[in-house]
Protein backbone atom coordinates (compact mmCIF):
# COMPACT_ATOMS: atom_id res chain seq x y z
CA UNK A 1 20.93 -9.74 -8.96
CA UNK A 2 22.71 -11.74 -6.28
CA UNK A 3 21.84 -11.51 -2.58
CA UNK A 4 25.10 -9.68 -1.80
CA UNK A 5 24.60 -7.20 -4.66
CA UNK A 6 20.98 -6.64 -3.69
CA UNK A 7 21.77 -5.88 -0.05
CA UNK A 8 24.69 -3.64 -1.03
CA UNK A 9 22.42 -1.68 -3.36
CA UNK A 10 19.82 -1.29 -0.63
CA UNK A 11 22.48 0.03 1.77
CA UNK A 12 23.72 2.57 -0.80
CA UNK A 13 20.20 3.77 -1.53
CA UNK A 14 19.45 4.03 2.18
CA UNK A 15 22.44 6.33 2.63
CA UNK A 16 21.16 8.58 -0.16
CA UNK A 17 17.62 8.79 1.23
CA UNK A 18 16.81 11.14 4.11
CA UNK A 19 14.93 8.38 5.92
CA UNK A 20 14.97 4.62 5.38
CA UNK A 21 11.44 3.14 5.38
CA UNK A 22 10.60 1.23 8.54
CA UNK A 23 7.44 -0.42 9.90
CA UNK A 24 4.89 2.30 10.66
CA UNK A 25 2.97 0.07 13.10
CA UNK A 26 3.88 -1.99 16.12
CA UNK A 27 2.78 -5.52 15.26
CA UNK A 28 2.65 -8.78 17.19
CA UNK A 29 5.11 -11.20 15.64
CA UNK A 30 6.95 -8.42 13.78
CA UNK A 31 10.36 -9.44 12.42
CA UNK A 32 12.33 -6.23 12.86
CA UNK A 33 14.51 -7.65 15.66
CA UNK A 34 15.07 -10.88 13.73
CA UNK A 35 16.11 -9.29 10.41
CA UNK A 36 19.88 -9.98 10.76
CA UNK A 37 19.12 -13.71 11.07
CA UNK A 38 16.54 -13.71 8.28
CA UNK A 39 18.95 -12.00 5.88
CA UNK A 40 21.54 -14.71 6.49
CA UNK A 41 19.06 -17.22 5.04
CA UNK A 42 17.83 -15.28 2.00
CA UNK A 43 18.19 -17.00 -1.39
CA UNK A 44 21.34 -15.98 -3.32
CA UNK A 45 19.16 -14.16 -5.87
CA UNK A 46 15.50 -13.69 -6.77
CA UNK A 47 13.21 -11.86 -9.19
CA UNK A 48 9.84 -10.83 -7.77
CA UNK A 49 9.05 -10.74 -4.04
CA UNK A 50 5.82 -11.97 -2.41
CA UNK A 51 4.73 -11.55 1.21
CA UNK A 52 1.20 -12.94 1.79
CA UNK A 53 1.15 -12.09 5.54
CA UNK A 54 2.87 -8.71 5.35
CA UNK A 55 1.90 -7.37 8.79
CA UNK A 56 4.06 -4.34 9.63
CA UNK A 57 6.39 -5.11 6.71
CA UNK A 58 9.79 -5.45 8.42
CA UNK A 59 11.16 -7.75 5.71
CA UNK A 60 9.62 -5.68 2.91
CA UNK A 61 11.10 -2.40 4.11
CA UNK A 62 14.50 -3.92 4.80
CA UNK A 63 14.84 -5.56 1.37
CA UNK A 64 12.95 -2.87 -0.57
CA UNK A 65 12.44 -5.08 -3.64
CA UNK A 66 11.58 -3.17 -6.81
CA UNK A 67 8.91 -5.69 -7.81
CA UNK A 68 6.70 -6.96 -4.99
CA UNK A 69 3.27 -8.32 -4.10
CA UNK A 70 2.15 -7.80 -0.51
CA UNK A 71 -1.04 -9.03 1.10
CA UNK A 72 -2.79 -9.36 4.41
CA UNK A 73 -6.25 -10.54 5.44
CA UNK A 74 -6.58 -7.58 7.81
CA UNK A 75 -8.53 -5.03 5.78
CA UNK A 76 -7.65 -1.98 7.88
CA UNK A 77 -3.95 -2.84 7.75
CA UNK A 78 -4.01 -3.06 3.95
CA UNK A 79 -5.99 0.18 3.84
CA UNK A 80 -3.06 1.83 5.64
CA UNK A 81 -0.63 0.69 2.94
CA UNK A 82 -2.92 1.93 0.16
CA UNK A 83 -3.49 5.31 1.81
CA UNK A 84 0.21 5.84 2.55
CA UNK A 85 0.92 5.10 -1.11
CA UNK A 86 -1.70 7.48 -2.55
CA UNK A 87 -2.62 10.06 0.12
CA UNK A 88 0.23 10.43 2.65
CA UNK A 89 -0.29 14.14 3.34
CA UNK A 90 -4.02 13.72 3.95
CA UNK A 91 -3.28 10.84 6.31
CA UNK A 92 -0.77 12.94 8.25
CA UNK A 93 -3.31 15.76 8.53
CA UNK A 94 -5.92 13.38 9.98
CA UNK A 95 -3.40 11.92 12.43
CA UNK A 96 -2.53 15.41 13.67
CA UNK A 97 -6.19 15.96 14.53
CA UNK A 98 -6.25 12.98 16.93
CA UNK A 99 -5.50 13.47 20.61
CA UNK A 100 -4.10 11.26 23.35
CA UNK A 101 -7.17 11.05 25.56
CA UNK A 102 -8.84 8.00 27.11
CA UNK A 103 -12.44 8.93 26.29
CA UNK A 104 -11.44 9.94 22.77
CA UNK A 105 -9.61 6.60 22.33
CA UNK A 106 -12.69 4.57 23.25
CA UNK A 107 -14.86 6.74 21.03
CA UNK A 108 -12.67 5.94 18.02
CA UNK A 109 -12.29 2.31 19.04
CA UNK A 110 -16.07 1.89 19.04
CA UNK A 111 -16.48 3.03 15.43
CA UNK A 112 -16.09 -0.48 14.00
CA UNK A 113 -19.17 -1.55 15.99
CA UNK A 114 -21.38 0.57 13.73
CA UNK A 115 -22.74 -0.54 10.32
CA UNK A 116 -21.55 2.75 8.79
CA UNK A 117 -17.91 1.83 9.46
CA UNK A 118 -17.59 -0.06 6.17
CA UNK A 119 -18.52 3.11 4.30
CA UNK A 120 -16.02 5.29 6.17
CA UNK A 121 -13.43 7.16 4.09
CA UNK A 122 -10.26 5.05 3.67
CA UNK A 123 -8.04 7.90 4.86
CA UNK A 124 -10.04 8.17 8.09
CA UNK A 125 -9.88 4.38 8.58
CA UNK A 126 -6.12 4.34 8.10
CA UNK A 127 -5.65 7.24 10.53
CA UNK A 128 -7.85 5.45 13.09
CA UNK A 129 -5.83 2.24 12.68
CA UNK A 130 -2.50 3.98 13.21
CA UNK A 131 -3.84 6.08 16.11
CA UNK A 132 -5.22 3.05 17.96
CA UNK A 133 -1.99 1.13 17.37
CA UNK A 134 0.10 3.94 18.83
CA UNK A 135 -2.12 4.56 21.86
CA UNK A 136 -3.51 1.12 22.80
CA UNK A 137 -1.96 -0.99 25.56
CA UNK A 138 1.47 -2.30 24.52
CA UNK A 139 0.67 -1.83 20.83
CA UNK A 140 -1.29 -5.11 20.87
CA UNK A 141 -3.54 -5.07 17.81
CA UNK A 142 -6.35 -7.44 18.67
CA UNK A 143 -9.90 -8.04 17.46
CA UNK A 144 -12.68 -10.22 18.83
CA UNK A 145 -14.64 -12.87 16.94
CA UNK A 146 -16.82 -10.17 15.40
CA UNK A 147 -13.76 -8.37 14.07
CA UNK A 148 -14.01 -5.46 16.52
CA UNK A 149 -10.82 -3.87 17.86
CA UNK A 150 -10.75 -4.60 21.61
CA UNK A 151 -7.31 -3.66 23.00
CA UNK A 152 -7.56 -1.21 25.95
CA UNK A 153 -6.19 2.32 26.22
CA UNK A 154 -2.44 2.42 26.91
CA UNK A 155 -2.37 5.59 29.01
CA UNK A 156 1.01 6.65 27.58
CA UNK A 157 2.28 10.13 28.39
CA UNK A 158 3.47 11.11 24.92
CA UNK A 159 2.85 8.47 22.21
CA UNK A 160 4.30 9.14 18.76
CA UNK A 161 0.97 9.33 16.96
CA UNK A 162 2.30 11.31 13.98
CA UNK A 163 5.65 10.09 12.62
CA UNK A 164 5.59 12.31 9.55
CA UNK A 165 9.13 11.53 8.38
CA UNK A 166 8.57 7.80 8.80
CA UNK A 167 5.31 7.80 6.85
CA UNK A 168 6.83 9.81 4.02
CA UNK A 169 9.79 7.39 3.83
CA UNK A 170 7.34 4.50 3.46
CA UNK A 171 5.40 6.48 0.85
CA UNK A 172 8.51 7.14 -1.24
CA UNK A 173 9.36 3.45 -1.35
CA UNK A 174 5.94 1.92 -2.02
CA UNK A 175 4.99 4.53 -4.63
CA UNK A 176 8.12 4.34 -6.77
CA UNK A 177 8.33 0.68 -7.74
CA UNK A 178 6.06 -2.09 -9.01
CA UNK A 179 4.35 -2.91 -5.74
CA UNK A 180 0.90 -4.52 -5.71
CA UNK A 181 -1.21 -4.52 -2.55
CA UNK A 182 -3.96 -7.09 -1.89
CA UNK A 183 -6.46 -7.95 0.82
CA UNK A 184 -7.22 -11.60 0.12
CA UNK A 185 -6.43 -15.19 1.12
CA UNK A 186 -2.74 -16.12 1.25
CA UNK A 187 -3.16 -18.81 -1.41
CA UNK A 188 -4.73 -16.34 -3.82
CA UNK A 189 -1.95 -13.82 -3.14
CA UNK A 190 0.75 -16.09 -4.60
CA UNK A 191 -1.13 -17.26 -7.69
CA UNK A 192 1.19 -15.29 -9.99
CA UNK A 193 4.46 -16.39 -8.34
CA UNK A 194 6.76 -18.08 -10.83
CA UNK A 195 10.21 -19.68 -11.10
CA UNK A 196 12.87 -17.41 -9.64
CA UNK A 197 10.49 -15.48 -7.39
CA UNK A 198 10.93 -15.35 -3.60
CA UNK A 199 8.01 -15.83 -1.21
CA UNK A 200 8.20 -15.09 2.52
CA UNK A 201 5.42 -16.49 4.72
CA UNK A 202 5.01 -15.14 8.26
CA UNK A 203 1.60 -16.61 9.19
CA UNK A 204 -0.15 -16.71 12.55
CA UNK A 205 1.92 -19.27 14.44
CA UNK A 206 1.00 -22.78 15.45
CA UNK A 207 0.37 -22.45 19.23
CA UNK A 208 3.01 -23.87 21.54
CA UNK A 209 0.24 -24.96 23.93
CA UNK A 210 -3.55 -25.00 24.12
CA UNK A 211 -3.52 -21.69 26.01
CA UNK A 212 -0.79 -19.95 24.02
CA UNK A 213 -2.71 -19.21 20.82
CA UNK A 214 -2.95 -15.62 19.64
CA UNK A 215 -4.65 -15.15 16.26
CA UNK A 216 -6.35 -11.84 16.96
CA UNK A 217 -4.96 -9.98 13.96
CA UNK A 218 -8.30 -10.65 12.26
CA UNK A 219 -11.41 -12.58 13.19
CA UNK A 220 -11.61 -16.24 12.18
CA UNK A 221 -8.33 -17.62 13.52
CA UNK A 222 -5.66 -19.79 11.87
CA UNK A 223 -5.76 -23.39 13.03
CA UNK A 224 -4.12 -26.66 12.04
CA UNK A 225 -6.25 -26.97 8.90
CA UNK A 226 -4.90 -23.63 7.72
CA UNK A 227 -1.34 -24.63 8.65
CA UNK A 228 -1.75 -27.77 6.55
CA UNK A 229 -3.18 -25.78 3.63
CA UNK A 230 -0.23 -23.40 3.88
CA UNK A 231 2.17 -26.35 3.65
CA UNK A 232 0.35 -27.51 0.50
CA UNK A 233 0.82 -24.04 -1.00
CA UNK A 234 4.55 -24.11 -0.14
CA UNK A 235 4.80 -27.52 -1.83
CA UNK A 236 3.11 -26.16 -4.95
CA UNK A 237 5.41 -23.12 -5.01
CA UNK A 238 8.37 -25.48 -4.76
CA UNK A 239 7.07 -27.37 -7.77
CA UNK A 240 6.91 -24.07 -9.69
CA UNK A 241 10.54 -23.28 -8.85
CA UNK A 242 9.92 -20.48 -6.33
CA UNK A 243 12.20 -19.94 -3.35
CA UNK A 244 10.19 -19.95 -0.12
CA UNK A 245 11.06 -18.87 3.41
CA UNK A 246 8.63 -19.44 6.27
CA UNK A 247 8.61 -18.50 9.96
CA UNK A 248 6.57 -20.49 12.48
CA UNK A 249 6.54 -21.94 15.98
CA UNK A 250 9.01 -24.65 16.94
CA UNK A 251 6.31 -27.30 17.38
CA UNK A 252 6.54 -30.94 16.35
CA UNK A 253 3.54 -30.48 14.06
CA UNK A 254 5.31 -27.74 12.09
CA UNK A 255 8.47 -29.86 11.96
CA UNK A 256 6.49 -32.78 10.55
CA UNK A 257 4.86 -30.58 7.89
CA UNK A 258 8.18 -29.30 6.56
CA UNK A 259 10.48 -32.27 7.26
CA UNK A 260 11.72 -32.32 3.63
CA UNK A 261 12.91 -28.72 3.81
CA UNK A 262 15.68 -26.94 5.70
CA UNK A 263 14.59 -26.13 9.28
CA UNK A 264 16.67 -23.87 11.52
CA UNK A 265 15.81 -23.08 15.13
CA UNK A 266 16.27 -19.37 15.91
CA UNK A 267 15.80 -17.27 19.05
CA UNK A 268 13.20 -14.53 18.56
CA UNK A 269 12.24 -11.63 20.79
CA UNK A 270 8.59 -11.25 21.74
CA UNK A 271 8.04 -7.62 22.75
CA UNK A 272 4.24 -7.62 22.49
CA UNK A 273 2.12 -9.70 24.84
CA UNK A 274 -0.87 -8.84 26.98
CA UNK A 275 0.92 -10.55 29.88
CA UNK A 276 4.38 -9.25 30.77
CA UNK A 277 5.73 -12.70 31.58
CA UNK A 278 4.96 -13.74 28.00
CA UNK A 279 7.54 -11.33 26.58
CA UNK A 280 11.20 -12.09 25.97
CA UNK A 281 13.13 -14.72 23.98
CA UNK A 282 11.44 -17.73 22.49
CA UNK A 283 12.60 -20.32 19.96
CA UNK A 284 10.92 -20.54 16.58
CA UNK A 285 11.55 -22.27 13.26
CA UNK A 286 12.93 -20.63 10.13
CA UNK A 287 12.13 -22.89 7.20
CA UNK A 288 13.41 -22.66 3.62
CA UNK A 289 12.78 -24.83 0.57
CA UNK A 290 16.30 -24.07 -0.66
CA UNK A 291 19.91 -24.12 0.43
CA UNK A 292 20.72 -20.50 1.42
CA UNK A 293 24.30 -20.85 0.13
CA UNK A 294 23.61 -22.33 -3.31
CA UNK A 295 19.93 -21.59 -3.82
CA UNK A 296 19.33 -25.24 -4.76
CA UNK A 297 15.71 -26.23 -4.23
CA UNK A 298 14.80 -28.89 -1.66
CA UNK A 299 11.77 -31.15 -1.37
CA UNK A 300 10.98 -31.23 -5.09
CA UNK A 301 10.27 -34.96 -4.96
CA UNK A 302 7.52 -34.64 -2.34
CA UNK A 303 4.45 -36.70 -3.19
CA UNK A 304 0.94 -36.08 -1.90
CA UNK A 305 0.95 -39.45 -0.15
CA UNK A 306 3.97 -38.34 1.90
CA UNK A 307 2.00 -35.68 3.77
CA UNK A 308 -1.74 -36.37 3.43
CA UNK A 309 -1.64 -38.23 6.77
CA UNK A 310 -0.88 -34.88 8.43
CA UNK A 311 -4.19 -33.34 7.36
CA UNK A 312 -6.47 -32.42 10.25
């Protein structure tokens, strides 16, 4: 199916459905505002779809591929996808029991400090994740080095804790097709990607400065060594004949990693930041290993010696 045919089909299906699936969480680095630009650079056609850093799933829900593999290292985030797929009504019932109260917020936030948290029912964990996301300050999902959620209470008058129609729209999409959900390393998540498949990487970004880094989606961080490893994975996927799109910061290091591919500078909106002055427009790179018009692969002649000097 061509890109034009695929998008036309998605539009027709969206008109027939009562509610088009949309991201059910507010997520730092989410691509919802950037989707018109991303769609201009999609490959002309593809088979399976892979998204190893799925986050809130803006690209996934816009494209709605019938065959997809999604992944994220954040366990509670992936638990949300699994619960929405299998137990949407139970999740909605739990969300309705939560209340917008400061003391109650901190009581739920503290649950991941206890050893028993790992044994908590998945439906309860998913409801907690969504509740905290809707009621924390500016929707900034953030964990400390121990993996504990540490964003403060948002003190909003009437947060939309229970978006029943939105959750059911997501459920209808992810439960009807061949969609696999994983909680593993990004390299492992694309092991089955083959020629003709499309992979979209939206990793934690290379920081623009020493003080600009935000990798609080999960504990552990994502430094230059991980950026280099990601580039090696993209190179391997290129060798296999996969089409790859990648978003990242507009830093010289990222440019040097992907110099053999197509790099486009785009203006993105940053709506989530703990400091208000950090929100607004910022340039970032959109990288593809193919020509968006023809689908022809780029960088297939890369040799290991051409980029080993960039290893940290």
